[in-house]
Amino acid sequence: MAKLEQTVQGDFAELLGRIENGIVGGSISASLEGRSDFWTQQARCSVRVFERYSSLGGNRVSLSVTLFQAGPGPIYLSAIASGGSQALFFKVSTFGEEAFLDKLRELL
């Protein structure tokens, strides 16, 4: 598992669109696997789950991205990548997970 947490300024919808388009468009094997959105008058939360093939690991890696904003405040981002190892009982390598997060870091 690899994780990125960050506070971001900007427009929520624009940031979410940039992440969706950038992740899916950034790799021929990347796909948006699931989405969930919640909002009230005071807050908004969006969750996206992406997946792509990791050629170095020879497997698929997932990336879950959560954006949360209360009112006009900052946007909180949490991203967790997982699945980048072929080991049976423990993680041997998280390179594929880190590479997936690196693509998100570029978009931010």
C-alpha atoms as a PDB file:
ATOM      1  CA  MET A   1       0.000   0.000   0.000  1.00  0.00           C
ATOM      2  CA  ALA A   2       1.169   3.493  -0.838  1.00  0.00           C
ATOM      3  CA  LYS A   3      -0.621   6.600   0.399  1.00  0.00           C
ATOM      4  CA  LEU A   4      -0.787  10.310  -0.419  1.00  0.00           C
ATOM      5  CA  GLU A   5      -2.675  12.859   1.688  1.00  0.00           C
ATOM      6  CA  GLN A   6      -2.742  16.505   0.766  1.00  0.00           C
ATOM      7  CA  THR A   7      -4.745  19.710   1.169  1.00  0.00           C
ATOM      8  CA  VAL A   8      -5.523  21.407  -2.133  1.00  0.00           C
ATOM      9  CA  GLN A   9      -6.974  24.801  -3.038  1.00  0.00           C
ATOM     10  CA  GLY A  10      -9.204  25.283  -6.059  1.00  0.00           C
ATOM     11  CA  ASP A  11     -12.470  24.291  -7.631  1.00  0.00           C
ATOM     12  CA  PHE A  12     -13.732  20.868  -6.499  1.00  0.00           C
ATOM     13  CA  ALA A  13     -15.372  19.883  -9.804  1.00  0.00           C
ATOM     14  CA  GLU A  14     -12.390  21.031 -11.861  1.00  0.00           C
ATOM     15  CA  LEU A  15      -9.950  19.086  -9.681  1.00  0.00           C
ATOM     16  CA  LEU A  16     -12.087  15.947  -9.792  1.00  0.00           C
ATOM     17  CA  GLY A  17     -12.350  16.166 -13.585  1.00  0.00           C
ATOM     18  CA  ARG A  18      -8.601  16.709 -13.941  1.00  0.00           C
ATOM     19  CA  ILE A  19      -7.902  13.643 -11.803  1.00  0.00           C
ATOM     20  CA  GLU A  20     -10.398  11.438 -13.662  1.00  0.00           C
ATOM     21  CA  ASN A  21      -9.213  12.492 -17.123  1.00  0.00           C
ATOM     22  CA  GLY A  22      -5.535  12.504 -16.199  1.00  0.00           C
ATOM     23  CA  ILE A  23      -5.482   9.051 -14.611  1.00  0.00           C
ATOM     24  CA  VAL A  24      -7.547   7.342 -17.321  1.00  0.00           C
ATOM     25  CA  GLY A  25      -5.779   9.219 -20.118  1.00  0.00           C
ATOM     26  CA  GLY A  26      -2.348   8.680 -18.594  1.00  0.00           C
ATOM     27  CA  SER A  27      -2.153   4.940 -19.228  1.00  0.00           C
ATOM     28  CA  ILE A  28      -3.514   2.708 -21.963  1.00  0.00           C
ATOM     29  CA  SER A  29      -4.587   0.154 -19.336  1.00  0.00           C
ATOM     30  CA  ALA A  30      -6.078   2.589 -16.777  1.00  0.00           C
ATOM     31  CA  SER A  31      -9.797   2.549 -16.126  1.00  0.00           C
ATOM     32  CA  LEU A  32     -12.271   4.156 -13.747  1.00  0.00           C
ATOM     33  CA  GLU A  33     -13.746   1.159 -11.894  1.00  0.00           C
ATOM     34  CA  GLY A  34     -16.141   2.881  -9.508  1.00  0.00           C
ATOM     35  CA  ARG A  35     -17.379   6.213  -8.240  1.00  0.00           C
ATOM     36  CA  SER A  36     -19.391   7.583  -5.365  1.00  0.00           C
ATOM     37  CA  ASP A  37     -20.514  11.141  -4.619  1.00  0.00           C
ATOM     38  CA  PHE A  38     -22.135  12.659  -1.538  1.00  0.00           C
ATOM     39  CA  TRP A  39     -23.053  16.270  -0.897  1.00  0.00           C
ATOM     40  CA  THR A  40     -25.045  18.461   1.446  1.00  0.00           C
ATOM     41  CA  GLN A  41     -25.368  22.213   1.630  1.00  0.00           C
ATOM     42  CA  GLN A  42     -22.252  22.257   3.815  1.00  0.00           C
ATOM     43  CA  ALA A  43     -19.973  19.567   2.376  1.00  0.00           C
ATOM     44  CA  ARG A  44     -19.059  17.478  -0.645  1.00  0.00           C
ATOM     45  CA  CYS A  45     -17.241  14.131  -0.871  1.00  0.00           C
ATOM     46  CA  SER A  46     -16.240  12.177  -3.980  1.00  0.00           C
ATOM     47  CA  VAL A  47     -14.566   8.770  -4.134  1.00  0.00           C
ATOM     48  CA  ARG A  48     -13.009   7.321  -7.292  1.00  0.00           C
ATOM     49  CA  VAL A  49     -11.422   3.897  -7.740  1.00  0.00           C
ATOM     50  CA  PHE A  50      -9.043   3.427 -10.662  1.00  0.00           C
ATOM     51  CA  GLU A  51      -7.187   0.364 -11.864  1.00  0.00           C
ATOM     52  CA  ARG A  52      -4.298  -0.188 -14.258  1.00  0.00           C
ATOM     53  CA  TYR A  53      -1.858  -2.871 -15.294  1.00  0.00           C
ATOM     54  CA  SER A  54       1.633  -2.679 -13.782  1.00  0.00           C
ATOM     55  CA  SER A  55       4.105  -4.162 -16.237  1.00  0.00           C
ATOM     56  CA  LEU A  56       6.891  -4.287 -13.649  1.00  0.00           C
ATOM     57  CA  GLY A  57       4.779  -6.282 -11.227  1.00  0.00           C
ATOM     58  CA  GLY A  58       2.897  -8.192 -13.893  1.00  0.00           C
ATOM     59  CA  ASN A  59      -0.393  -7.494 -12.154  1.00  0.00           C
ATOM     60  CA  ARG A  60      -3.125  -4.885 -11.745  1.00  0.00           C
ATOM     61  CA  VAL A  61      -2.879  -2.008  -9.276  1.00  0.00           C
ATOM     62  CA  SER A  62      -5.792  -0.046  -7.828  1.00  0.00           C
ATOM     63  CA  LEU A  63      -5.895   3.590  -6.766  1.00  0.00           C
ATOM     64  CA  SER A  64      -8.660   4.951  -4.529  1.00  0.00           C
ATOM     65  CA  VAL A  65      -8.970   8.747  -4.474  1.00  0.00           C
ATOM     66  CA  THR A  66     -11.188  10.614  -2.006  1.00  0.00           C
ATOM     67  CA  LEU A  67     -11.847  14.356  -2.175  1.00  0.00           C
ATOM     68  CA  PHE A  68     -13.649  16.139   0.677  1.00  0.00           C
ATOM     69  CA  GLN A  69     -14.574  19.811   1.028  1.00  0.00           C
ATOM     70  CA  ALA A  70     -16.592  21.523   3.757  1.00  0.00           C
ATOM     71  CA  GLY A  71     -18.152  24.758   2.554  1.00  0.00           C
ATOM     72  CA  PRO A  72     -15.708  27.047   0.759  1.00  0.00           C
ATOM     73  CA  GLY A  73     -12.741  25.584   2.674  1.00  0.00           C
ATOM     74  CA  PRO A  74      -9.785  23.656   1.323  1.00  0.00           C
ATOM     75  CA  ILE A  75     -10.169  20.344  -0.478  1.00  0.00           C
ATOM     76  CA  TYR A  76      -8.783  17.358   1.398  1.00  0.00           C
ATOM     77  CA  LEU A  77      -7.385  14.595  -0.801  1.00  0.00           C
ATOM     78  CA  SER A  78      -6.578  11.066   0.281  1.00  0.00           C
ATOM     79  CA  ALA A  79      -5.237   8.562  -2.258  1.00  0.00           C
ATOM     80  CA  ILE A  80      -4.344   4.949  -1.529  1.00  0.00           C
ATOM     81  CA  ALA A  81      -2.789   2.582  -4.065  1.00  0.00           C
ATOM     82  CA  SER A  82      -2.771  -1.165  -3.533  1.00  0.00           C
ATOM     83  CA  GLY A  83      -2.179  -4.462  -5.284  1.00  0.00           C
ATOM     84  CA  GLY A  84       1.360  -3.994  -6.524  1.00  0.00           C
ATOM     85  CA  SER A  85       2.825  -7.228  -5.185  1.00  0.00           C
ATOM     86  CA  GLN A  86       2.642 -10.880  -6.157  1.00  0.00           C
ATOM     87  CA  ALA A  87       3.857 -12.248  -2.831  1.00  0.00           C
ATOM     88  CA  LEU A  88       1.615 -14.673  -0.958  1.00  0.00           C
ATOM     89  CA  PHE A  89       2.086 -13.526   2.650  1.00  0.00           C
ATOM     90  CA  PHE A  90       3.858 -10.129   2.546  1.00  0.00           C
ATOM     91  CA  LYS A  91       4.657  -7.249   0.210  1.00  0.00           C
ATOM     92  CA  VAL A  92       7.770  -7.766  -1.870  1.00  0.00           C
ATOM     93  CA  SER A  93       7.569  -4.584  -3.913  1.00  0.00           C
ATOM     94  CA  THR A  94       5.303  -1.549  -3.964  1.00  0.00           C
ATOM     95  CA  PHE A  95       6.847  -0.005  -7.091  1.00  0.00           C
ATOM     96  CA  GLY A  96       3.627  -0.278  -9.136  1.00  0.00           C
ATOM     97  CA  GLU A  97       1.651   1.386  -6.350  1.00  0.00           C
ATOM     98  CA  GLU A  98       4.124   4.267  -6.041  1.00  0.00           C
ATOM     99  CA  ALA A  99       4.148   4.735  -9.822  1.00  0.00           C
ATOM    100  CA  PHE A 100       0.346   5.034  -9.814  1.00  0.00           C
ATOM    101  CA  LEU A 101       0.536   7.672  -7.067  1.00  0.00           C
ATOM    102  CA  ASP A 102       3.269   9.510  -9.006  1.00  0.00           C
ATOM    103  CA  LYS A 103       0.794  10.036 -11.857  1.00  0.00           C
ATOM    104  CA  LEU A 104      -1.650  11.613  -9.391  1.00  0.00           C
ATOM    105  CA  ARG A 105       1.118  13.812  -7.970  1.00  0.00           C
ATOM    106  CA  GLU A 106       1.787  15.108 -11.518  1.00  0.00           C
ATOM    107  CA  LEU A 107      -1.878  16.060 -11.885  1.00  0.00           C
ATOM    108  CA  LEU A 108      -1.904  17.986  -8.617  1.00  0.00           C
END
